[in-house]
Amino acid sequence: MESGQKPYTQLPDSLDMEPLPQGATVVPVPPAVLPATLPPRDFLAWSLGSLMYFNCCCLGLMAVIFSIKSRDRKMLGDHSGALSYGSTAKGLNICR
């Protein structure tokens, strides 16, 4: 027995395994389609609001810059980079 595989367990004898009746049709069911992972958020609207109304120590400007970087990374398909820049923008928006 290979490691990582579960050992075979025999079904109990009391389990009824009668075959399908004559003329029964088996219809294959397609597998459920799982939704793709959501793209990372860039918080651009929140950053623009911080820039316009709460520009304390230029954190609003830095948040807008990181939001734009996050949006660029998202468009290039670099989701980990977009997530990193987006979380930095969110942190700067919260600190404002």
PDB file of N, CA and C in Angstrom:
ATOM      1  N   MET A   1       0.855  -1.177   0.000  1.00  0.00           N
ATOM      2  CA  MET A   1       0.000   0.000   0.000  1.00  0.00           C
ATOM      3  C   MET A   1       0.897   1.236   0.000  1.00  0.00           C
ATOM      4  N   GLU A   2       0.604   2.191  -0.890  1.00  0.00           N
ATOM      5  CA  GLU A   2       1.385   3.414  -0.982  1.00  0.00           C
ATOM      6  C   GLU A   2       1.001   4.348   0.148  1.00  0.00           C
ATOM      7  N   SER A   3       1.959   5.114   0.603  1.00  0.00           N
ATOM      8  CA  SER A   3       1.642   6.085   1.650  1.00  0.00           C
ATOM      9  C   SER A   3       0.843   7.230   1.037  1.00  0.00           C
ATOM     10  N   GLY A   4      -0.076   7.786   1.779  1.00  0.00           N
ATOM     11  CA  GLY A   4      -0.918   8.875   1.287  1.00  0.00           C
ATOM     12  C   GLY A   4      -2.259   8.409   0.765  1.00  0.00           C
ATOM     13  N   GLN A   5      -2.412   7.106   0.482  1.00  0.00           N
ATOM     14  CA  GLN A   5      -3.697   6.600   0.017  1.00  0.00           C
ATOM     15  C   GLN A   5      -4.428   5.957   1.180  1.00  0.00           C
ATOM     16  N   LYS A   6      -5.745   6.127   1.185  1.00  0.00           N
ATOM     17  CA  LYS A   6      -6.546   5.518   2.247  1.00  0.00           C
ATOM     18  C   LYS A   6      -6.683   4.021   1.987  1.00  0.00           C
ATOM     19  N   PRO A   7      -6.673   3.242   3.033  1.00  0.00           N
ATOM     20  CA  PRO A   7      -6.841   1.796   2.826  1.00  0.00           C
ATOM     21  C   PRO A   7      -8.271   1.489   2.382  1.00  0.00           C
ATOM     22  N   TYR A   8      -8.408   0.416   1.646  1.00  0.00           N
ATOM     23  CA  TYR A   8      -9.710  -0.016   1.142  1.00  0.00           C
ATOM     24  C   TYR A   8     -10.536  -0.564   2.299  1.00  0.00           C
ATOM     25  N   THR A   9     -11.803  -0.118   2.388  1.00  0.00           N
ATOM     26  CA  THR A   9     -12.715  -0.669   3.393  1.00  0.00           C
ATOM     27  C   THR A   9     -13.851  -1.360   2.664  1.00  0.00           C
ATOM     28  N   GLN A  10     -14.194  -2.537   3.115  1.00  0.00           N
ATOM     29  CA  GLN A  10     -15.233  -3.322   2.470  1.00  0.00           C
ATOM     30  C   GLN A  10     -16.604  -2.832   2.922  1.00  0.00           C
ATOM     31  N   LEU A  11     -17.561  -2.796   1.979  1.00  0.00           N
ATOM     32  CA  LEU A  11     -18.920  -2.382   2.301  1.00  0.00           C
ATOM     33  C   LEU A  11     -19.604  -3.447   3.151  1.00  0.00           C
ATOM     34  N   PRO A  12     -20.517  -3.028   4.018  1.00  0.00           N
ATOM     35  CA  PRO A  12     -21.232  -4.024   4.819  1.00  0.00           C
ATOM     36  C   PRO A  12     -22.152  -4.873   3.943  1.00  0.00           C
ATOM     37  N   ASP A  13     -22.399  -6.127   4.370  1.00  0.00           N
ATOM     38  CA  ASP A  13     -23.247  -7.046   3.605  1.00  0.00           C
ATOM     39  C   ASP A  13     -24.706  -6.615   3.580  1.00  0.00           C
ATOM     40  N   SER A  14     -25.131  -5.842   4.572  1.00  0.00           N
ATOM     41  CA  SER A  14     -26.537  -5.440   4.637  1.00  0.00           C
ATOM     42  C   SER A  14     -26.884  -4.350   3.623  1.00  0.00           C
ATOM     43  N   LEU A  15     -25.897  -3.778   2.964  1.00  0.00           N
ATOM     44  CA  LEU A  15     -26.141  -2.721   1.989  1.00  0.00           C
ATOM     45  C   LEU A  15     -26.724  -3.319   0.714  1.00  0.00           C
ATOM     46  N   ASP A  16     -27.876  -2.808   0.280  1.00  0.00           N
ATOM     47  CA  ASP A  16     -28.561  -3.326  -0.902  1.00  0.00           C
ATOM     48  C   ASP A  16     -27.981  -2.658  -2.152  1.00  0.00           C
ATOM     49  N   MET A  17     -27.409  -3.458  -3.016  1.00  0.00           N
ATOM     50  CA  MET A  17     -26.785  -2.943  -4.228  1.00  0.00           C
ATOM     51  C   MET A  17     -27.479  -3.499  -5.465  1.00  0.00           C
ATOM     52  N   GLU A  18     -28.791  -3.395  -5.512  1.00  0.00           N
ATOM     53  CA  GLU A  18     -29.507  -3.947  -6.673  1.00  0.00           C
ATOM     54  C   GLU A  18     -29.256  -3.074  -7.896  1.00  0.00           C
ATOM     55  N   PRO A  19     -29.196  -3.682  -9.066  1.00  0.00           N
ATOM     56  CA  PRO A  19     -28.906  -2.918 -10.288  1.00  0.00           C
ATOM     57  C   PRO A  19     -30.097  -2.040 -10.682  1.00  0.00           C
ATOM     58  N   LEU A  20     -29.834  -1.162 -11.625  1.00  0.00           N
ATOM     59  CA  LEU A  20     -30.890  -0.282 -12.133  1.00  0.00           C
ATOM     60  C   LEU A  20     -31.939  -1.112 -12.871  1.00  0.00           C
ATOM     61  N   PRO A  21     -33.190  -0.696 -12.811  1.00  0.00           N
ATOM     62  CA  PRO A  21     -34.230  -1.426 -13.541  1.00  0.00           C
ATOM     63  C   PRO A  21     -34.015  -1.314 -15.056  1.00  0.00           C
ATOM     64  N   GLN A  22     -34.593  -2.272 -15.822  1.00  0.00           N
ATOM     65  CA  GLN A  22     -34.482  -2.265 -17.277  1.00  0.00           C
ATOM     66  C   GLN A  22     -35.071  -0.973 -17.829  1.00  0.00           C
ATOM     67  N   GLY A  23     -34.399  -0.384 -18.790  1.00  0.00           N
ATOM     68  CA  GLY A  23     -34.898   0.823 -19.442  1.00  0.00           C
ATOM     69  C   GLY A  23     -34.533   2.106 -18.698  1.00  0.00           C
ATOM     70  N   ALA A  24     -33.829   1.989 -17.598  1.00  0.00           N
ATOM     71  CA  ALA A  24     -33.431   3.191 -16.863  1.00  0.00           C
ATOM     72  C   ALA A  24     -32.324   3.913 -17.629  1.00  0.00           C
ATOM     73  N   THR A  25     -32.389   5.211 -17.623  1.00  0.00           N
ATOM     74  CA  THR A  25     -31.398   6.011 -18.332  1.00  0.00           C
ATOM     75  C   THR A  25     -30.541   6.750 -17.305  1.00  0.00           C
ATOM     76  N   VAL A  26     -29.254   6.654 -17.470  1.00  0.00           N
ATOM     77  CA  VAL A  26     -28.329   7.375 -16.608  1.00  0.00           C
ATOM     78  C   VAL A  26     -27.922   8.649 -17.326  1.00  0.00           C
ATOM     79  N   VAL A  27     -28.176   9.783 -16.679  1.00  0.00           N
ATOM     80  CA  VAL A  27     -27.855  11.076 -17.269  1.00  0.00           C
ATOM     81  C   VAL A  27     -26.649  11.637 -16.542  1.00  0.00           C
ATOM     82  N   PRO A  28     -25.560  11.897 -17.264  1.00  0.00           N
ATOM     83  CA  PRO A  28     -24.397  12.476 -16.588  1.00  0.00           C
ATOM     84  C   PRO A  28     -24.676  13.919 -16.165  1.00  0.00           C
ATOM     85  N   VAL A  29     -24.230  14.260 -14.994  1.00  0.00           N
ATOM     86  CA  VAL A  29     -24.416  15.610 -14.469  1.00  0.00           C
ATOM     87  C   VAL A  29     -23.076  16.329 -14.548  1.00  0.00           C
ATOM     88  N   PRO A  30     -23.051  17.500 -15.181  1.00  0.00           N
ATOM     89  CA  PRO A  30     -21.773  18.214 -15.260  1.00  0.00           C
ATOM     90  C   PRO A  30     -21.343  18.660 -13.864  1.00  0.00           C
ATOM     91  N   PRO A  31     -20.042  18.738 -13.629  1.00  0.00           N
ATOM     92  CA  PRO A  31     -19.577  19.180 -12.314  1.00  0.00           C
ATOM     93  C   PRO A  31     -19.966  20.626 -12.058  1.00  0.00           C
ATOM     94  N   ALA A  32     -20.144  20.932 -10.804  1.00  0.00           N
ATOM     95  CA  ALA A  32     -20.518  22.299 -10.437  1.00  0.00           C
ATOM     96  C   ALA A  32     -19.386  23.252 -10.799  1.00  0.00           C
ATOM     97  N   VAL A  33     -19.748  24.364 -11.366  1.00  0.00           N
ATOM     98  CA  VAL A  33     -18.758  25.358 -11.750  1.00  0.00           C
ATOM     99  C   VAL A  33     -18.530  26.270 -10.556  1.00  0.00           C
ATOM    100  N   LEU A  34     -17.314  26.257 -10.052  1.00  0.00           N
ATOM    101  CA  LEU A  34     -16.984  27.107  -8.921  1.00  0.00           C
ATOM    102  C   LEU A  34     -16.662  28.500  -9.425  1.00  0.00           C
ATOM    103  N   PRO A  35     -17.130  29.513  -8.720  1.00  0.00           N
ATOM    104  CA  PRO A  35     -16.814  30.869  -9.178  1.00  0.00           C
ATOM    105  C   PRO A  35     -15.324  31.142  -9.021  1.00  0.00           C
ATOM    106  N   ALA A  36     -14.811  31.908  -9.933  1.00  0.00           N
ATOM    107  CA  ALA A  36     -13.396  32.278  -9.861  1.00  0.00           C
ATOM    108  C   ALA A  36     -13.168  33.143  -8.634  1.00  0.00           C
ATOM    109  N   THR A  37     -11.963  33.170  -8.164  1.00  0.00           N
ATOM    110  CA  THR A  37     -11.678  33.998  -6.999  1.00  0.00           C
ATOM    111  C   THR A  37     -11.909  35.460  -7.356  1.00  0.00           C
ATOM    112  N   LEU A  38     -12.385  36.187  -6.411  1.00  0.00           N
ATOM    113  CA  LEU A  38     -12.665  37.596  -6.643  1.00  0.00           C
ATOM    114  C   LEU A  38     -11.354  38.360  -6.819  1.00  0.00           C
ATOM    115  N   PRO A  39     -11.332  39.321  -7.731  1.00  0.00           N
ATOM    116  CA  PRO A  39     -10.107  40.099  -7.899  1.00  0.00           C
ATOM    117  C   PRO A  39      -9.865  40.962  -6.663  1.00  0.00           C
ATOM    118  N   PRO A  40      -8.612  41.266  -6.366  1.00  0.00           N
ATOM    119  CA  PRO A  40      -8.319  42.096  -5.196  1.00  0.00           C
ATOM    120  C   PRO A  40      -8.888  43.494  -5.362  1.00  0.00           C
ATOM    121  N   ARG A  41      -9.292  44.079  -4.266  1.00  0.00           N
ATOM    122  CA  ARG A  41      -9.859  45.433  -4.310  1.00  0.00           C
ATOM    123  C   ARG A  41      -8.738  46.454  -4.308  1.00  0.00           C
ATOM    124  N   ASP A  42      -8.988  47.601  -4.980  1.00  0.00           N
ATOM    125  CA  ASP A  42      -7.953  48.628  -5.040  1.00  0.00           C
ATOM    126  C   ASP A  42      -8.289  49.854  -4.182  1.00  0.00           C
ATOM    127  N   PHE A  43      -9.505  49.999  -3.709  1.00  0.00           N
ATOM    128  CA  PHE A  43      -9.919  51.068  -2.797  1.00  0.00           C
ATOM    129  C   PHE A  43      -9.667  52.461  -3.383  1.00  0.00           C
ATOM    130  N   LEU A  44      -9.827  52.603  -4.695  1.00  0.00           N
ATOM    131  CA  LEU A  44      -9.538  53.879  -5.347  1.00  0.00           C
ATOM    132  C   LEU A  44     -10.535  54.959  -4.934  1.00  0.00           C
ATOM    133  N   ALA A  45     -11.820  54.616  -4.870  1.00  0.00           N
ATOM    134  CA  ALA A  45     -12.827  55.620  -4.479  1.00  0.00           C
ATOM    135  C   ALA A  45     -12.584  56.105  -3.057  1.00  0.00           C
ATOM    136  N   TRP A  46     -12.274  55.186  -2.159  1.00  0.00           N
ATOM    137  CA  TRP A  46     -11.998  55.553  -0.778  1.00  0.00           C
ATOM    138  C   TRP A  46     -10.745  56.438  -0.701  1.00  0.00           C
ATOM    139  N   SER A  47      -9.739  56.105  -1.508  1.00  0.00           N
ATOM    140  CA  SER A  47      -8.504  56.891  -1.510  1.00  0.00           C
ATOM    141  C   SER A  47      -8.748  58.299  -2.044  1.00  0.00           C
ATOM    142  N   LEU A  48      -9.571  58.414  -3.080  1.00  0.00           N
ATOM    143  CA  LEU A  48      -9.895  59.749  -3.609  1.00  0.00           C
ATOM    144  C   LEU A  48     -10.668  60.564  -2.579  1.00  0.00           C
ATOM    145  N   GLY A  49     -11.573  59.907  -1.859  1.00  0.00           N
ATOM    146  CA  GLY A  49     -12.289  60.607  -0.783  1.00  0.00           C
ATOM    147  C   GLY A  49     -11.346  61.059   0.306  1.00  0.00           C
ATOM    148  N   SER A  50     -10.386  60.231   0.656  1.00  0.00           N
ATOM    149  CA  SER A  50      -9.395  60.621   1.663  1.00  0.00           C
ATOM    150  C   SER A  50      -8.552  61.789   1.176  1.00  0.00           C
ATOM    151  N   LEU A  51      -8.209  61.766  -0.105  1.00  0.00           N
ATOM    152  CA  LEU A  51      -7.408  62.853  -0.661  1.00  0.00           C
ATOM    153  C   LEU A  51      -8.180  64.170  -0.657  1.00  0.00           C
ATOM    154  N   MET A  52      -9.453  64.123  -1.000  1.00  0.00           N
ATOM    155  CA  MET A  52     -10.249  65.350  -1.109  1.00  0.00           C
ATOM    156  C   MET A  52     -10.638  65.927   0.246  1.00  0.00           C
ATOM    157  N   TYR A  53     -10.994  65.054   1.205  1.00  0.00           N
ATOM    158  CA  TYR A  53     -11.588  65.552   2.438  1.00  0.00           C
ATOM    159  C   TYR A  53     -10.684  65.430   3.659  1.00  0.00           C
ATOM    160  N   PHE A  54      -9.832  64.446   3.706  1.00  0.00           N
ATOM    161  CA  PHE A  54      -9.044  64.201   4.915  1.00  0.00           C
ATOM    162  C   PHE A  54      -7.566  64.090   4.585  1.00  0.00           C
ATOM    163  N   ASN A  55      -7.012  65.024   3.846  1.00  0.00           N
ATOM    164  CA  ASN A  55      -5.621  64.920   3.419  1.00  0.00           C
ATOM    165  C   ASN A  55      -4.688  65.303   4.566  1.00  0.00           C
ATOM    166  N   CYS A  56      -4.606  64.443   5.551  1.00  0.00           N
ATOM    167  CA  CYS A  56      -3.784  64.679   6.722  1.00  0.00           C
ATOM    168  C   CYS A  56      -2.378  64.141   6.455  1.00  0.00           C
ATOM    169  N   CYS A  57      -1.382  65.005   6.447  1.00  0.00           N
ATOM    170  CA  CYS A  57       0.023  64.624   6.239  1.00  0.00           C
ATOM    171  C   CYS A  57       0.234  63.899   4.911  1.00  0.00           C
ATOM    172  N   CYS A  58      -0.517  64.222   3.905  1.00  0.00           N
ATOM    173  CA  CYS A  58      -0.387  63.649   2.557  1.00  0.00           C
ATOM    174  C   CYS A  58      -0.643  62.146   2.508  1.00  0.00           C
ATOM    175  N   LEU A  59      -1.303  61.586   3.511  1.00  0.00           N
ATOM    176  CA  LEU A  59      -1.628  60.162   3.467  1.00  0.00           C
ATOM    177  C   LEU A  59      -2.654  59.866   2.386  1.00  0.00           C
ATOM    178  N   GLY A  60      -3.535  60.838   2.118  1.00  0.00           N
ATOM    179  CA  GLY A  60      -4.532  60.652   1.057  1.00  0.00           C
ATOM    180  C   GLY A  60      -3.866  60.507  -0.299  1.00  0.00           C
ATOM    181  N   LEU A  61      -2.836  61.312  -0.562  1.00  0.00           N
ATOM    182  CA  LEU A  61      -2.106  61.231  -1.831  1.00  0.00           C
ATOM    183  C   LEU A  61      -1.380  59.896  -1.946  1.00  0.00           C
ATOM    184  N   MET A  62      -0.765  59.454  -0.866  1.00  0.00           N
ATOM    185  CA  MET A  62      -0.080  58.160  -0.895  1.00  0.00           C
ATOM    186  C   MET A  62      -1.070  57.022  -1.112  1.00  0.00           C
ATOM    187  N   ALA A  63      -2.261  57.140  -0.506  1.00  0.00           N
ATOM    188  CA  ALA A  63      -3.288  56.109  -0.687  1.00  0.00           C
ATOM    189  C   ALA A  63      -3.743  56.053  -2.142  1.00  0.00           C
ATOM    190  N   VAL A  64      -3.896  57.211  -2.790  1.00  0.00           N
ATOM    191  CA  VAL A  64      -4.290  57.235  -4.207  1.00  0.00           C
ATOM    192  C   VAL A  64      -3.205  56.589  -5.064  1.00  0.00           C
ATOM    193  N   ILE A  65      -1.949  56.877  -4.767  1.00  0.00           N
ATOM    194  CA  ILE A  65      -0.846  56.296  -5.547  1.00  0.00           C
ATOM    195  C   ILE A  65      -0.843  54.776  -5.410  1.00  0.00           C
ATOM    196  N   PHE A  66      -0.994  54.274  -4.177  1.00  0.00           N
ATOM    197  CA  PHE A  66      -1.007  52.828  -3.989  1.00  0.00           C
ATOM    198  C   PHE A  66      -2.259  52.196  -4.601  1.00  0.00           C
ATOM    199  N   SER A  67      -3.380  52.908  -4.604  1.00  0.00           N
ATOM    200  CA  SER A  67      -4.589  52.384  -5.241  1.00  0.00           C
ATOM    201  C   SER A  67      -4.410  52.258  -6.745  1.00  0.00           C
ATOM    202  N   ILE A  68      -3.765  53.234  -7.353  1.00  0.00           N
ATOM    203  CA  ILE A  68      -3.516  53.181  -8.790  1.00  0.00           C
ATOM    204  C   ILE A  68      -2.534  52.051  -9.118  1.00  0.00           C
ATOM    205  N   LYS A  69      -1.515  51.891  -8.275  1.00  0.00           N
ATOM    206  CA  LYS A  69      -0.583  50.777  -8.482  1.00  0.00           C
ATOM    207  C   LYS A  69      -1.311  49.440  -8.367  1.00  0.00           C
ATOM    208  N   SER A  70      -2.234  49.347  -7.417  1.00  0.00           N
ATOM    209  CA  SER A  70      -3.007  48.116  -7.243  1.00  0.00           C
ATOM    210  C   SER A  70      -3.870  47.845  -8.466  1.00  0.00           C
ATOM    211  N   ARG A  71      -4.493  48.884  -9.001  1.00  0.00           N
ATOM    212  CA  ARG A  71      -5.330  48.712 -10.189  1.00  0.00           C
ATOM    213  C   ARG A  71      -4.487  48.293 -11.393  1.00  0.00           C
ATOM    214  N   ASP A  72      -3.293  48.866 -11.534  1.00  0.00           N
ATOM    215  CA  ASP A  72      -2.404  48.477 -12.638  1.00  0.00           C
ATOM    216  C   ASP A  72      -1.990  47.023 -12.518  1.00  0.00           C
ATOM    217  N   ARG A  73      -1.635  46.597 -11.311  1.00  0.00           N
ATOM    218  CA  ARG A  73      -1.242  45.204 -11.102  1.00  0.00           C
ATOM    219  C   ARG A  73      -2.398  44.254 -11.391  1.00  0.00           C
ATOM    220  N   LYS A  74      -3.606  44.662 -11.017  1.00  0.00           N
ATOM    221  CA  LYS A  74      -4.783  43.829 -11.272  1.00  0.00           C
ATOM    222  C   LYS A  74      -5.012  43.671 -12.774  1.00  0.00           C
ATOM    223  N   MET A  75      -4.813  44.732 -13.534  1.00  0.00           N
ATOM    224  CA  MET A  75      -4.991  44.669 -14.982  1.00  0.00           C
ATOM    225  C   MET A  75      -3.923  43.800 -15.644  1.00  0.00           C
ATOM    226  N   LEU A  76      -2.727  43.745 -15.053  1.00  0.00           N
ATOM    227  CA  LEU A  76      -1.657  42.915 -15.596  1.00  0.00           C
ATOM    228  C   LEU A  76      -1.797  41.450 -15.204  1.00  0.00           C
ATOM    229  N   GLY A  77      -2.694  41.165 -14.260  1.00  0.00           N
ATOM    230  CA  GLY A  77      -2.912  39.787 -13.824  1.00  0.00           C
ATOM    231  C   GLY A  77      -2.085  39.382 -12.622  1.00  0.00           C
ATOM    232  N   ASP A  78      -1.375  40.320 -12.024  1.00  0.00           N
ATOM    233  CA  ASP A  78      -0.560  40.043 -10.841  1.00  0.00           C
ATOM    234  C   ASP A  78      -1.424  40.256  -9.602  1.00  0.00           C
ATOM    235  N   HIS A  79      -2.157  39.200  -9.212  1.00  0.00           N
ATOM    236  CA  HIS A  79      -3.104  39.345  -8.111  1.00  0.00           C
ATOM    237  C   HIS A  79      -2.414  39.503  -6.760  1.00  0.00           C
ATOM    238  N   SER A  80      -1.272  38.883  -6.573  1.00  0.00           N
ATOM    239  CA  SER A  80      -0.590  39.031  -5.284  1.00  0.00           C
ATOM    240  C   SER A  80      -0.047  40.449  -5.123  1.00  0.00           C
ATOM    241  N   GLY A  81       0.497  41.025  -6.194  1.00  0.00           N
ATOM    242  CA  GLY A  81       0.961  42.408  -6.134  1.00  0.00           C
ATOM    243  C   GLY A  81      -0.189  43.376  -5.931  1.00  0.00           C
ATOM    244  N   ALA A  82      -1.311  43.120  -6.615  1.00  0.00           N
ATOM    245  CA  ALA A  82      -2.485  43.976  -6.462  1.00  0.00           C
ATOM    246  C   ALA A  82      -3.033  43.898  -5.044  1.00  0.00           C
ATOM    247  N   LEU A  83      -3.020  42.707  -4.466  1.00  0.00           N
ATOM    248  CA  LEU A  83      -3.486  42.543  -3.091  1.00  0.00           C
ATOM    249  C   LEU A  83      -2.588  43.293  -2.120  1.00  0.00           C
ATOM    250  N   SER A  84      -1.289  43.246  -2.362  1.00  0.00           N
ATOM    251  CA  SER A  84      -0.334  43.938  -1.495  1.00  0.00           C
ATOM    252  C   SER A  84      -0.530  45.457  -1.565  1.00  0.00           C
ATOM    253  N   TYR A  85      -0.574  46.002  -2.770  1.00  0.00           N
ATOM    254  CA  TYR A  85      -0.764  47.442  -2.918  1.00  0.00           C
ATOM    255  C   TYR A  85      -2.142  47.877  -2.414  1.00  0.00           C
ATOM    256  N   GLY A  86      -3.157  47.059  -2.649  1.00  0.00           N
ATOM    257  CA  GLY A  86      -4.500  47.397  -2.179  1.00  0.00           C
ATOM    258  C   GLY A  86      -4.593  47.421  -0.667  1.00  0.00           C
ATOM    259  N   SER A  87      -3.941  46.469  -0.005  1.00  0.00           N
ATOM    260  CA  SER A  87      -3.992  46.465   1.463  1.00  0.00           C
ATOM    261  C   SER A  87      -3.210  47.639   2.037  1.00  0.00           C
ATOM    262  N   THR A  88      -2.131  48.060   1.352  1.00  0.00           N
ATOM    263  CA  THR A  88      -1.394  49.251   1.793  1.00  0.00           C
ATOM    264  C   THR A  88      -2.262  50.490   1.642  1.00  0.00           C
ATOM    265  N   ALA A  89      -2.977  50.592   0.524  1.00  0.00           N
ATOM    266  CA  ALA A  89      -3.881  51.734   0.325  1.00  0.00           C
ATOM    267  C   ALA A  89      -4.979  51.746   1.383  1.00  0.00           C
ATOM    268  N   LYS A  90      -5.507  50.581   1.707  1.00  0.00           N
ATOM    269  CA  LYS A  90      -6.542  50.497   2.736  1.00  0.00           C
ATOM    270  C   LYS A  90      -5.983  50.947   4.084  1.00  0.00           C
ATOM    271  N   GLY A  91      -4.779  50.500   4.413  1.00  0.00           N
ATOM    272  CA  GLY A  91      -4.157  50.915   5.669  1.00  0.00           C
ATOM    273  C   GLY A  91      -3.937  52.411   5.731  1.00  0.00           C
ATOM    274  N   LEU A  92      -3.504  52.997   4.621  1.00  0.00           N
ATOM    275  CA  LEU A  92      -3.305  54.452   4.603  1.00  0.00           C
ATOM    276  C   LEU A  92      -4.642  55.197   4.719  1.00  0.00           C
ATOM    277  N   ASN A  93      -5.694  54.633   4.152  1.00  0.00           N
ATOM    278  CA  ASN A  93      -7.014  55.259   4.275  1.00  0.00           C
ATOM    279  C   ASN A  93      -7.541  55.183   5.702  1.00  0.00           C
ATOM    280  N   ILE A  94      -7.242  54.105   6.388  1.00  0.00           N
ATOM    281  CA  ILE A  94      -7.709  53.965   7.767  1.00  0.00           C
ATOM    282  C   ILE A  94      -6.908  54.893   8.698  1.00  0.00           C
ATOM    283  N   CYS A  95      -5.610  55.029   8.424  1.00  0.00           N
ATOM    284  CA  CYS A  95      -4.744  55.877   9.275  1.00  0.00           C
ATOM    285  C   CYS A  95      -5.060  57.352   9.158  1.00  0.00           C
ATOM    286  N   ARG A  96      -5.500  57.773   8.017  1.00  0.00           N
ATOM    287  CA  ARG A  96      -5.688  59.184   7.708  1.00  0.00           C
ATOM    288  C   ARG A  96      -5.951  59.947   8.941  1.00  0.00           C
TER     289      ARG A  96
END
